[in-house]
Amino acid sequence: MVAFGKLLVACANHSVGQSDTLTRLNHIETFTADRLDHLAQMELLRSWHEDLAKPRYADPKRLLRYGFKVYSQSDEDGIIQEIFRRIGVTNRLFVEFGVETGIECNSVKLLIDGWRGLWLDGQQPCIDQIRTQFNSFIENRNLTASQAFITAENINSLIADGGVTGEIDFLSIDIDRNDYWVWSAINVIQPRVVVIEYNATLRPPLSLVVPYDPNRTWDGSSYFGASLEALVRLGCSKGYRLVGCNISGTNAFFVRHDLAGNLFLDPPTAEEHYEPPRYYFILLKAGHRPQPGPYVTV
């Protein structure tokens, strides 16, 4: 504020040239925007901590308390890490579709950790950026990235053509509309863990899903996807149990029944694990701008 006051005085006395004035004003505008962003981040973090301090989240079996963000949109990275800490890993293979540029998705931390897998997205510019940004991972064959508009009819061939079949450790589904129908159709892989987006505006006990239309995409409204209860029923029919949801009310986490045992919070119902839409937590940053890349283990 002192600097801002001095600038105003200088402008009033015409002692500062026009270009210098504009430069200083731009600096002040940037400084103010940064301060406001920092304050917003602090408020989001405070709200996050207040939510986690509630009695509902005290049980150590509840996954949400382990959430944190590295590259994921919200706290999915920490929840995924905790799930595999409990059930272990096998081949460290993943499939994720709807990754956009891959900078902020559910499997990029796994890729950095040495996993291998397949990314699919419907936008060619996103795939082009992935092939540039993640070139080293593609060259060493840890990552395959393909462009395709995903439907229930083509998903199995897309995954198989990407070189992945059979049991894998991790599947993540986020295509914003037909997620339910595409998961229902998948049979070429048998993931041990599934993460899928749910529509948190459709609270339990509603069991609802948008009608399947392979040509439709998300229109930016609350009309998309499936309710958590609908996904719980689908998961059960495919041999999976719900083990948690994330803080933003965006993603649901499923583990194969034969692996879950008593490792996760009971009962495995939508009513028990549902989290409301707190989409503002997606704006919370983990620090600097995310920039995934290869690291050297020392």
C-alpha atoms as a PDB file:
ATOM      1  CA  MET A   1       0.000   0.000   0.000  1.00  0.00           C
ATOM      2  CA  VAL A   2       2.926   2.372   0.659  1.00  0.00           C
ATOM      3  CA  ALA A   3       4.220   1.776  -2.873  1.00  0.00           C
ATOM      4  CA  PHE A   4       0.757   2.392  -4.286  1.00  0.00           C
ATOM      5  CA  GLY A   5       0.483   5.690  -2.365  1.00  0.00           C
ATOM      6  CA  LYS A   6       3.872   6.880  -3.605  1.00  0.00           C
ATOM      7  CA  LEU A   7       2.852   6.075  -7.160  1.00  0.00           C
ATOM      8  CA  LEU A   8      -0.322   8.126  -6.877  1.00  0.00           C
ATOM      9  CA  VAL A   9       1.645  11.095  -5.543  1.00  0.00           C
ATOM     10  CA  ALA A  10       4.165  10.796  -8.362  1.00  0.00           C
ATOM     11  CA  CYS A  11       1.406  10.701 -10.952  1.00  0.00           C
ATOM     12  CA  ALA A  12      -0.270  13.725  -9.441  1.00  0.00           C
ATOM     13  CA  ASN A  13       2.972  15.709  -9.590  1.00  0.00           C
ATOM     14  CA  HIS A  14       3.600  14.581 -13.190  1.00  0.00           C
ATOM     15  CA  SER A  15       7.059  13.497 -12.070  1.00  0.00           C
ATOM     16  CA  VAL A  16       6.695  10.060 -13.587  1.00  0.00           C
ATOM     17  CA  GLY A  17       6.605   9.481 -17.325  1.00  0.00           C
ATOM     18  CA  GLN A  18       3.523   7.863 -18.835  1.00  0.00           C
ATOM     19  CA  SER A  19       5.297   4.617 -19.745  1.00  0.00           C
ATOM     20  CA  ASP A  20       6.791   4.324 -16.244  1.00  0.00           C
ATOM     21  CA  THR A  21       3.383   4.966 -14.722  1.00  0.00           C
ATOM     22  CA  LEU A  22       1.757   2.236 -16.799  1.00  0.00           C
ATOM     23  CA  THR A  23       4.563  -0.162 -15.933  1.00  0.00           C
ATOM     24  CA  ARG A  24       4.168   0.473 -12.214  1.00  0.00           C
ATOM     25  CA  LEU A  25       0.410   0.198 -12.411  1.00  0.00           C
ATOM     26  CA  ASN A  26       0.793  -3.150 -14.156  1.00  0.00           C
ATOM     27  CA  HIS A  27       3.139  -4.299 -11.407  1.00  0.00           C
ATOM     28  CA  ILE A  28       0.651  -3.238  -8.737  1.00  0.00           C
ATOM     29  CA  GLU A  29      -2.198  -4.966 -10.579  1.00  0.00           C
ATOM     30  CA  THR A  30      -0.171  -8.193 -10.758  1.00  0.00           C
ATOM     31  CA  PHE A  31       0.829  -7.897  -7.095  1.00  0.00           C
ATOM     32  CA  THR A  32      -2.788  -7.326  -6.049  1.00  0.00           C
ATOM     33  CA  ALA A  33      -4.031 -10.267  -8.119  1.00  0.00           C
ATOM     34  CA  ASP A  34      -1.363 -12.524  -6.587  1.00  0.00           C
ATOM     35  CA  ARG A  35      -2.297 -11.431  -3.071  1.00  0.00           C
ATOM     36  CA  LEU A  36      -5.982 -12.060  -3.722  1.00  0.00           C
ATOM     37  CA  ASP A  37      -5.176 -15.499  -5.128  1.00  0.00           C
ATOM     38  CA  HIS A  38      -3.092 -16.320  -2.057  1.00  0.00           C
ATOM     39  CA  LEU A  39      -5.930 -15.231   0.231  1.00  0.00           C
ATOM     40  CA  ALA A  40      -8.398 -17.364  -1.735  1.00  0.00           C
ATOM     41  CA  GLN A  41      -6.049 -20.365  -1.487  1.00  0.00           C
ATOM     42  CA  MET A  42      -5.718 -19.876   2.273  1.00  0.00           C
ATOM     43  CA  GLU A  43      -9.500 -19.727   2.647  1.00  0.00           C
ATOM     44  CA  LEU A  44      -9.971 -22.900   0.594  1.00  0.00           C
ATOM     45  CA  LEU A  45      -7.333 -24.694   2.672  1.00  0.00           C
ATOM     46  CA  ARG A  46      -8.969 -23.525   5.896  1.00  0.00           C
ATOM     47  CA  SER A  47     -12.351 -24.780   4.691  1.00  0.00           C
ATOM     48  CA  TRP A  48     -10.801 -28.123   3.697  1.00  0.00           C
ATOM     49  CA  HIS A  49      -9.262 -28.575   7.156  1.00  0.00           C
ATOM     50  CA  GLU A  50     -12.519 -27.606   8.871  1.00  0.00           C
ATOM     51  CA  ASP A  51     -14.440 -30.210   6.877  1.00  0.00           C
ATOM     52  CA  LEU A  52     -11.919 -32.945   7.670  1.00  0.00           C
ATOM     53  CA  ALA A  53     -12.076 -32.071  11.381  1.00  0.00           C
ATOM     54  CA  LYS A  54     -15.743 -33.082  11.530  1.00  0.00           C
ATOM     55  CA  PRO A  55     -16.583 -36.307  13.430  1.00  0.00           C
ATOM     56  CA  ARG A  56     -17.774 -37.939  10.194  1.00  0.00           C
ATOM     57  CA  TYR A  57     -14.174 -38.170   8.978  1.00  0.00           C
ATOM     58  CA  ALA A  58     -12.578 -39.430  12.210  1.00  0.00           C
ATOM     59  CA  ASP A  59     -12.692 -43.144  11.326  1.00  0.00           C
ATOM     60  CA  PRO A  60      -9.232 -44.160   9.999  1.00  0.00           C
ATOM     61  CA  LYS A  61     -10.889 -46.447   7.474  1.00  0.00           C
ATOM     62  CA  ARG A  62     -12.543 -43.483   5.741  1.00  0.00           C
ATOM     63  CA  LEU A  63     -10.424 -42.700   2.702  1.00  0.00           C
ATOM     64  CA  LEU A  64     -11.216 -39.027   2.361  1.00  0.00           C
ATOM     65  CA  ARG A  65      -8.979 -38.133   5.307  1.00  0.00           C
ATOM     66  CA  TYR A  66      -5.952 -39.381   3.329  1.00  0.00           C
ATOM     67  CA  GLY A  67      -6.562 -37.212   0.293  1.00  0.00           C
ATOM     68  CA  PHE A  68      -4.003 -34.830  -1.138  1.00  0.00           C
ATOM     69  CA  LYS A  69      -3.245 -33.253  -4.493  1.00  0.00           C
ATOM     70  CA  VAL A  70      -0.053 -33.567  -6.506  1.00  0.00           C
ATOM     71  CA  TYR A  71      -1.284 -33.679 -10.101  1.00  0.00           C
ATOM     72  CA  SER A  72      -4.930 -34.695  -9.695  1.00  0.00           C
ATOM     73  CA  GLN A  73      -7.764 -32.161  -9.902  1.00  0.00           C
ATOM     74  CA  SER A  74      -8.480 -32.369  -6.197  1.00  0.00           C
ATOM     75  CA  ASP A  75      -7.400 -34.878  -3.527  1.00  0.00           C
ATOM     76  CA  GLU A  76      -7.530 -38.028  -5.663  1.00  0.00           C
ATOM     77  CA  ASP A  77      -3.755 -38.617  -5.613  1.00  0.00           C
ATOM     78  CA  GLY A  78      -3.706 -39.223  -1.874  1.00  0.00           C
ATOM     79  CA  ILE A  79      -6.790 -41.437  -1.881  1.00  0.00           C
ATOM     80  CA  ILE A  80      -5.419 -43.586  -4.707  1.00  0.00           C
ATOM     81  CA  GLN A  81      -2.122 -43.925  -2.854  1.00  0.00           C
ATOM     82  CA  GLU A  82      -3.910 -45.026   0.318  1.00  0.00           C
ATOM     83  CA  ILE A  83      -6.057 -47.586  -1.519  1.00  0.00           C
ATOM     84  CA  PHE A  84      -2.980 -49.287  -2.961  1.00  0.00           C
ATOM     85  CA  ARG A  85      -1.183 -49.073   0.372  1.00  0.00           C
ATOM     86  CA  ARG A  86      -4.014 -51.221   1.742  1.00  0.00           C
ATOM     87  CA  ILE A  87      -4.521 -53.724  -1.086  1.00  0.00           C
ATOM     88  CA  GLY A  88      -1.048 -53.734  -2.635  1.00  0.00           C
ATOM     89  CA  VAL A  89      -0.116 -53.534  -6.313  1.00  0.00           C
ATOM     90  CA  THR A  90       0.492 -56.159  -8.978  1.00  0.00           C
ATOM     91  CA  ASN A  91       1.519 -55.182 -12.508  1.00  0.00           C
ATOM     92  CA  ARG A  92       1.314 -51.391 -11.967  1.00  0.00           C
ATOM     93  CA  LEU A  93      -0.729 -50.970 -15.140  1.00  0.00           C
ATOM     94  CA  PHE A  94      -3.300 -48.202 -15.592  1.00  0.00           C
ATOM     95  CA  VAL A  95      -5.881 -47.083 -18.141  1.00  0.00           C
ATOM     96  CA  GLU A  96      -7.405 -43.625 -18.009  1.00  0.00           C
ATOM     97  CA  PHE A  97      -9.645 -41.889 -20.498  1.00  0.00           C
ATOM     98  CA  GLY A  98     -10.802 -38.309 -20.541  1.00  0.00           C
ATOM     99  CA  VAL A  99      -7.299 -37.145 -19.549  1.00  0.00           C
ATOM    100  CA  GLU A 100      -7.290 -33.930 -21.641  1.00  0.00           C
ATOM    101  CA  THR A 101      -3.605 -32.856 -21.706  1.00  0.00           C
ATOM    102  CA  GLY A 102      -2.579 -35.284 -18.944  1.00  0.00           C
ATOM    103  CA  ILE A 103      -1.235 -32.488 -16.761  1.00  0.00           C
ATOM    104  CA  GLU A 104      -4.043 -32.890 -14.231  1.00  0.00           C
ATOM    105  CA  CYS A 105      -5.496 -36.391 -14.136  1.00  0.00           C
ATOM    106  CA  ASN A 106      -5.752 -39.391 -11.807  1.00  0.00           C
ATOM    107  CA  SER A 107      -2.914 -41.502 -13.197  1.00  0.00           C
ATOM    108  CA  VAL A 108      -0.143 -38.991 -13.916  1.00  0.00           C
ATOM    109  CA  LYS A 109       1.301 -39.412 -10.417  1.00  0.00           C
ATOM    110  CA  LEU A 110       1.326 -43.169 -11.010  1.00  0.00           C
ATOM    111  CA  LEU A 111       3.181 -42.592 -14.276  1.00  0.00           C
ATOM    112  CA  ILE A 112       5.759 -40.466 -12.467  1.00  0.00           C
ATOM    113  CA  ASP A 113       6.049 -43.246  -9.857  1.00  0.00           C
ATOM    114  CA  GLY A 114       7.077 -45.736 -12.561  1.00  0.00           C
ATOM    115  CA  TRP A 115       3.753 -47.248 -13.594  1.00  0.00           C
ATOM    116  CA  ARG A 116       2.857 -47.978 -17.229  1.00  0.00           C
ATOM    117  CA  GLY A 117      -0.391 -47.386 -19.022  1.00  0.00           C
ATOM    118  CA  LEU A 118      -2.737 -46.042 -21.644  1.00  0.00           C
ATOM    119  CA  TRP A 119      -4.309 -42.598 -21.970  1.00  0.00           C
ATOM    120  CA  LEU A 120      -7.253 -41.880 -24.262  1.00  0.00           C
ATOM    121  CA  ASP A 121      -8.860 -38.552 -25.071  1.00  0.00           C
ATOM    122  CA  GLY A 122     -11.236 -37.334 -27.731  1.00  0.00           C
ATOM    123  CA  GLN A 123      -9.388 -34.124 -28.579  1.00  0.00           C
ATOM    124  CA  GLN A 124      -6.458 -34.359 -30.969  1.00  0.00           C
ATOM    125  CA  PRO A 125      -4.806 -31.124 -29.712  1.00  0.00           C
ATOM    126  CA  CYS A 126      -4.713 -32.653 -26.215  1.00  0.00           C
ATOM    127  CA  ILE A 127      -3.086 -35.824 -27.503  1.00  0.00           C
ATOM    128  CA  ASP A 128      -0.583 -33.730 -29.453  1.00  0.00           C
ATOM    129  CA  GLN A 129       0.343 -31.866 -26.277  1.00  0.00           C
ATOM    130  CA  ILE A 130       0.690 -35.145 -24.372  1.00  0.00           C
ATOM    131  CA  ARG A 131       3.049 -36.468 -27.035  1.00  0.00           C
ATOM    132  CA  THR A 132       5.204 -33.393 -26.547  1.00  0.00           C
ATOM    133  CA  GLN A 133       4.954 -32.999 -22.781  1.00  0.00           C
ATOM    134  CA  PHE A 134       5.319 -36.720 -22.002  1.00  0.00           C
ATOM    135  CA  ASN A 135       7.613 -37.661 -24.858  1.00  0.00           C
ATOM    136  CA  SER A 136      10.197 -39.340 -22.632  1.00  0.00           C
ATOM    137  CA  PHE A 137       7.543 -41.620 -21.098  1.00  0.00           C
ATOM    138  CA  ILE A 138       6.246 -42.509 -24.550  1.00  0.00           C
ATOM    139  CA  GLU A 139       9.730 -43.204 -25.870  1.00  0.00           C
ATOM    140  CA  ASN A 140      10.521 -45.606 -23.027  1.00  0.00           C
ATOM    141  CA  ARG A 141       7.132 -47.291 -23.609  1.00  0.00           C
ATOM    142  CA  ASN A 142       5.686 -46.457 -20.194  1.00  0.00           C
ATOM    143  CA  LEU A 143       2.883 -44.467 -21.819  1.00  0.00           C
ATOM    144  CA  THR A 144       0.667 -44.867 -24.864  1.00  0.00           C
ATOM    145  CA  ALA A 145      -1.610 -41.953 -25.787  1.00  0.00           C
ATOM    146  CA  SER A 146      -4.332 -42.220 -28.424  1.00  0.00           C
ATOM    147  CA  GLN A 147      -7.034 -39.931 -29.738  1.00  0.00           C
ATOM    148  CA  ALA A 148     -10.558 -41.332 -29.947  1.00  0.00           C
ATOM    149  CA  PHE A 149     -14.111 -40.286 -29.226  1.00  0.00           C
ATOM    150  CA  ILE A 150     -15.040 -42.904 -26.644  1.00  0.00           C
ATOM    151  CA  THR A 151     -18.308 -44.819 -26.761  1.00  0.00           C
ATOM    152  CA  ALA A 152     -19.652 -47.977 -25.165  1.00  0.00           C
ATOM    153  CA  GLU A 153     -19.309 -49.640 -28.562  1.00  0.00           C
ATOM    154  CA  ASN A 154     -15.617 -48.912 -29.143  1.00  0.00           C
ATOM    155  CA  ILE A 155     -14.070 -48.778 -25.669  1.00  0.00           C
ATOM    156  CA  ASN A 156     -12.951 -52.426 -25.550  1.00  0.00           C
ATOM    157  CA  SER A 157     -11.253 -52.276 -28.946  1.00  0.00           C
ATOM    158  CA  LEU A 158      -9.589 -48.961 -28.039  1.00  0.00           C
ATOM    159  CA  ILE A 159      -8.118 -50.431 -24.864  1.00  0.00           C
ATOM    160  CA  ALA A 160      -7.014 -53.643 -26.574  1.00  0.00           C
ATOM    161  CA  ASP A 161      -5.479 -51.689 -29.479  1.00  0.00           C
ATOM    162  CA  GLY A 162      -3.576 -49.699 -26.862  1.00  0.00           C
ATOM    163  CA  GLY A 163      -1.914 -52.921 -25.769  1.00  0.00           C
ATOM    164  CA  VAL A 164      -3.734 -53.451 -22.470  1.00  0.00           C
ATOM    165  CA  THR A 165      -5.848 -56.507 -21.633  1.00  0.00           C
ATOM    166  CA  GLY A 166      -6.571 -58.715 -18.632  1.00  0.00           C
ATOM    167  CA  GLU A 167      -6.038 -57.726 -15.021  1.00  0.00           C
ATOM    168  CA  ILE A 168      -4.671 -54.245 -14.382  1.00  0.00           C
ATOM    169  CA  ASP A 169      -4.278 -52.287 -11.190  1.00  0.00           C
ATOM    170  CA  PHE A 170      -6.102 -49.083 -12.048  1.00  0.00           C
ATOM    171  CA  LEU A 171      -8.848 -47.704 -14.282  1.00  0.00           C
ATOM    172  CA  SER A 172     -10.032 -44.081 -14.267  1.00  0.00           C
ATOM    173  CA  ILE A 173     -13.111 -42.902 -16.172  1.00  0.00           C
ATOM    174  CA  ASP A 174     -13.926 -39.227 -16.712  1.00  0.00           C
ATOM    175  CA  ILE A 175     -15.733 -38.421 -19.962  1.00  0.00           C
ATOM    176  CA  ASP A 176     -18.355 -36.141 -18.374  1.00  0.00           C
ATOM    177  CA  ARG A 177     -21.533 -37.785 -19.673  1.00  0.00           C
ATOM    178  CA  ASN A 178     -21.567 -41.472 -20.692  1.00  0.00           C
ATOM    179  CA  ASP A 179     -19.231 -42.708 -17.921  1.00  0.00           C
ATOM    180  CA  TYR A 180     -21.795 -45.159 -16.519  1.00  0.00           C
ATOM    181  CA  TRP A 181     -22.535 -46.761 -19.884  1.00  0.00           C
ATOM    182  CA  VAL A 182     -18.881 -47.049 -20.863  1.00  0.00           C
ATOM    183  CA  TRP A 183     -17.907 -48.689 -17.557  1.00  0.00           C
ATOM    184  CA  SER A 184     -20.823 -51.085 -17.991  1.00  0.00           C
ATOM    185  CA  ALA A 185     -19.464 -52.098 -21.384  1.00  0.00           C
ATOM    186  CA  ILE A 186     -15.824 -52.680 -20.391  1.00  0.00           C
ATOM    187  CA  ASN A 187     -14.820 -56.337 -20.320  1.00  0.00           C
ATOM    188  CA  VAL A 188     -11.405 -56.464 -21.984  1.00  0.00           C
ATOM    189  CA  ILE A 189      -9.680 -55.488 -18.744  1.00  0.00           C
ATOM    190  CA  GLN A 190     -10.312 -56.433 -15.124  1.00  0.00           C
ATOM    191  CA  PRO A 191      -9.111 -53.494 -13.018  1.00  0.00           C
ATOM    192  CA  ARG A 192      -8.492 -53.973  -9.318  1.00  0.00           C
ATOM    193  CA  VAL A 193      -9.418 -50.335  -8.610  1.00  0.00           C
ATOM    194  CA  VAL A 194     -11.852 -48.117 -10.516  1.00  0.00           C
ATOM    195  CA  VAL A 195     -12.258 -44.361 -10.160  1.00  0.00           C
ATOM    196  CA  ILE A 196     -15.265 -42.851 -11.896  1.00  0.00           C
ATOM    197  CA  GLU A 197     -16.917 -39.447 -11.899  1.00  0.00           C
ATOM    198  CA  TYR A 198     -20.367 -39.210 -10.320  1.00  0.00           C
ATOM    199  CA  ASN A 199     -23.022 -36.510 -10.440  1.00  0.00           C
ATOM    200  CA  ALA A 200     -23.112 -35.218  -6.865  1.00  0.00           C
ATOM    201  CA  THR A 201     -26.202 -33.102  -7.511  1.00  0.00           C
ATOM    202  CA  LEU A 202     -28.162 -36.399  -7.603  1.00  0.00           C
ATOM    203  CA  ARG A 203     -28.028 -37.319  -3.926  1.00  0.00           C
ATOM    204  CA  PRO A 204     -28.769 -40.761  -2.469  1.00  0.00           C
ATOM    205  CA  PRO A 205     -31.054 -42.631  -2.620  1.00  0.00           C
ATOM    206  CA  LEU A 206     -31.598 -41.459  -6.226  1.00  0.00           C
ATOM    207  CA  SER A 207     -30.435 -44.082  -8.718  1.00  0.00           C
ATOM    208  CA  LEU A 208     -30.366 -42.116 -11.966  1.00  0.00           C
ATOM    209  CA  VAL A 209     -28.289 -41.989 -15.132  1.00  0.00           C
ATOM    210  CA  VAL A 210     -28.573 -39.946 -18.313  1.00  0.00           C
ATOM    211  CA  PRO A 211     -29.869 -41.967 -21.295  1.00  0.00           C
ATOM    212  CA  TYR A 212     -27.096 -43.370 -23.423  1.00  0.00           C
ATOM    213  CA  ASP A 213     -26.316 -41.339 -26.517  1.00  0.00           C
ATOM    214  CA  PRO A 214     -22.915 -42.044 -28.099  1.00  0.00           C
ATOM    215  CA  ASN A 215     -22.989 -38.708 -29.921  1.00  0.00           C
ATOM    216  CA  ARG A 216     -23.683 -36.473 -26.930  1.00  0.00           C
ATOM    217  CA  THR A 217     -21.104 -34.727 -24.761  1.00  0.00           C
ATOM    218  CA  TRP A 218     -21.336 -32.663 -21.591  1.00  0.00           C
ATOM    219  CA  ASP A 219     -22.994 -29.275 -22.164  1.00  0.00           C
ATOM    220  CA  GLY A 220     -21.569 -27.666 -19.016  1.00  0.00           C
ATOM    221  CA  SER A 221     -24.784 -28.100 -17.025  1.00  0.00           C
ATOM    222  CA  SER A 222     -25.691 -30.357 -14.098  1.00  0.00           C
ATOM    223  CA  TYR A 223     -27.283 -32.808 -16.545  1.00  0.00           C
ATOM    224  CA  PHE A 224     -24.567 -35.436 -16.927  1.00  0.00           C
ATOM    225  CA  GLY A 225     -23.396 -38.830 -15.836  1.00  0.00           C
ATOM    226  CA  ALA A 226     -24.892 -40.923 -13.088  1.00  0.00           C
ATOM    227  CA  SER A 227     -25.769 -40.633  -9.432  1.00  0.00           C
ATOM    228  CA  LEU A 228     -23.550 -42.330  -6.872  1.00  0.00           C
ATOM    229  CA  GLU A 229     -26.286 -44.864  -6.082  1.00  0.00           C
ATOM    230  CA  ALA A 230     -26.542 -45.846  -9.753  1.00  0.00           C
ATOM    231  CA  LEU A 231     -22.785 -46.413  -9.879  1.00  0.00           C
ATOM    232  CA  VAL A 232     -22.865 -48.435  -6.641  1.00  0.00           C
ATOM    233  CA  ARG A 233     -25.444 -50.759  -8.205  1.00  0.00           C
ATOM    234  CA  LEU A 234     -23.452 -51.043 -11.419  1.00  0.00           C
ATOM    235  CA  GLY A 235     -20.243 -51.659  -9.504  1.00  0.00           C
ATOM    236  CA  CYS A 236     -21.863 -54.391  -7.450  1.00  0.00           C
ATOM    237  CA  SER A 237     -23.060 -56.130 -10.617  1.00  0.00           C
ATOM    238  CA  LYS A 238     -19.480 -56.052 -11.937  1.00  0.00           C
ATOM    239  CA  GLY A 239     -17.927 -57.292  -8.689  1.00  0.00           C
ATOM    240  CA  TYR A 240     -16.873 -54.023  -7.059  1.00  0.00           C
ATOM    241  CA  ARG A 241     -17.670 -52.272  -3.806  1.00  0.00           C
ATOM    242  CA  LEU A 242     -17.691 -48.568  -3.124  1.00  0.00           C
ATOM    243  CA  VAL A 243     -14.884 -47.602  -0.741  1.00  0.00           C
ATOM    244  CA  GLY A 244     -15.069 -43.805  -0.779  1.00  0.00           C
ATOM    245  CA  CYS A 245     -15.535 -40.477  -2.538  1.00  0.00           C
ATOM    246  CA  ASN A 246     -13.275 -37.462  -2.698  1.00  0.00           C
ATOM    247  CA  ILE A 247     -13.652 -34.093  -0.960  1.00  0.00           C
ATOM    248  CA  SER A 248     -14.936 -32.188  -4.000  1.00  0.00           C
ATOM    249  CA  GLY A 249     -17.779 -34.652  -4.595  1.00  0.00           C
ATOM    250  CA  THR A 250     -16.406 -35.466  -8.039  1.00  0.00           C
ATOM    251  CA  ASN A 251     -15.010 -38.999  -8.035  1.00  0.00           C
ATOM    252  CA  ALA A 252     -16.082 -42.308  -6.523  1.00  0.00           C
ATOM    253  CA  PHE A 253     -13.576 -45.070  -5.727  1.00  0.00           C
ATOM    254  CA  PHE A 254     -14.332 -48.760  -6.174  1.00  0.00           C
ATOM    255  CA  VAL A 255     -12.261 -51.807  -5.214  1.00  0.00           C
ATOM    256  CA  ARG A 256     -12.858 -55.341  -6.430  1.00  0.00           C
ATOM    257  CA  HIS A 257     -14.841 -57.321  -3.832  1.00  0.00           C
ATOM    258  CA  ASP A 258     -12.222 -60.049  -3.433  1.00  0.00           C
ATOM    259  CA  LEU A 259      -9.583 -57.476  -2.496  1.00  0.00           C
ATOM    260  CA  ALA A 260     -11.554 -55.178  -0.215  1.00  0.00           C
ATOM    261  CA  GLY A 261     -12.012 -57.493   2.782  1.00  0.00           C
ATOM    262  CA  ASN A 262     -12.398 -55.406   5.943  1.00  0.00           C
ATOM    263  CA  LEU A 263      -9.880 -52.788   4.824  1.00  0.00           C
ATOM    264  CA  PHE A 264     -12.446 -50.082   4.089  1.00  0.00           C
ATOM    265  CA  LEU A 265     -15.291 -48.346   5.856  1.00  0.00           C
ATOM    266  CA  ASP A 266     -18.596 -50.201   6.044  1.00  0.00           C
ATOM    267  CA  PRO A 267     -21.291 -50.174   4.892  1.00  0.00           C
ATOM    268  CA  PRO A 268     -20.258 -49.779   1.224  1.00  0.00           C
ATOM    269  CA  THR A 269     -23.333 -47.733   0.387  1.00  0.00           C
ATOM    270  CA  ALA A 270     -23.945 -44.469  -1.395  1.00  0.00           C
ATOM    271  CA  GLU A 271     -25.522 -43.079   1.775  1.00  0.00           C
ATOM    272  CA  GLU A 272     -22.370 -43.802   3.806  1.00  0.00           C
ATOM    273  CA  HIS A 273     -19.767 -42.556   1.352  1.00  0.00           C
ATOM    274  CA  TYR A 274     -21.543 -39.777  -0.544  1.00  0.00           C
ATOM    275  CA  GLU A 275     -19.839 -36.378  -0.587  1.00  0.00           C
ATOM    276  CA  PRO A 276     -21.774 -33.304  -1.778  1.00  0.00           C
ATOM    277  CA  PRO A 277     -20.611 -31.079  -4.644  1.00  0.00           C
ATOM    278  CA  ARG A 278     -17.744 -28.958  -3.352  1.00  0.00           C
ATOM    279  CA  TYR A 279     -16.338 -28.143  -6.758  1.00  0.00           C
ATOM    280  CA  TYR A 280     -14.536 -25.090  -5.390  1.00  0.00           C
ATOM    281  CA  PHE A 281     -11.898 -27.417  -3.925  1.00  0.00           C
ATOM    282  CA  ILE A 282     -10.772 -28.165  -7.483  1.00  0.00           C
ATOM    283  CA  LEU A 283      -9.368 -24.613  -7.487  1.00  0.00           C
ATOM    284  CA  LEU A 284      -7.017 -25.401  -4.591  1.00  0.00           C
ATOM    285  CA  LYS A 285      -3.407 -25.503  -5.770  1.00  0.00           C
ATOM    286  CA  ALA A 286      -0.686 -27.835  -4.546  1.00  0.00           C
ATOM    287  CA  GLY A 287       2.005 -25.190  -5.011  1.00  0.00           C
ATOM    288  CA  HIS A 288       3.646 -24.164  -8.254  1.00  0.00           C
ATOM    289  CA  ARG A 289       2.022 -24.712 -11.642  1.00  0.00           C
ATOM    290  CA  PRO A 290       1.865 -28.496 -12.229  1.00  0.00           C
ATOM    291  CA  GLN A 291       4.598 -29.727 -14.549  1.00  0.00           C
ATOM    292  CA  PRO A 292       4.895 -33.522 -14.652  1.00  0.00           C
ATOM    293  CA  GLY A 293       8.164 -34.858 -15.943  1.00  0.00           C
ATOM    294  CA  PRO A 294      10.710 -37.669 -15.531  1.00  0.00           C
ATOM    295  CA  TYR A 295      12.684 -37.728 -12.295  1.00  0.00           C
ATOM    296  CA  VAL A 296      15.832 -39.597 -11.323  1.00  0.00           C
ATOM    297  CA  THR A 297      15.666 -41.895  -8.300  1.00  0.00           C
ATOM    298  CA  VAL A 298      18.655 -41.353  -5.981  1.00  0.00           C
END
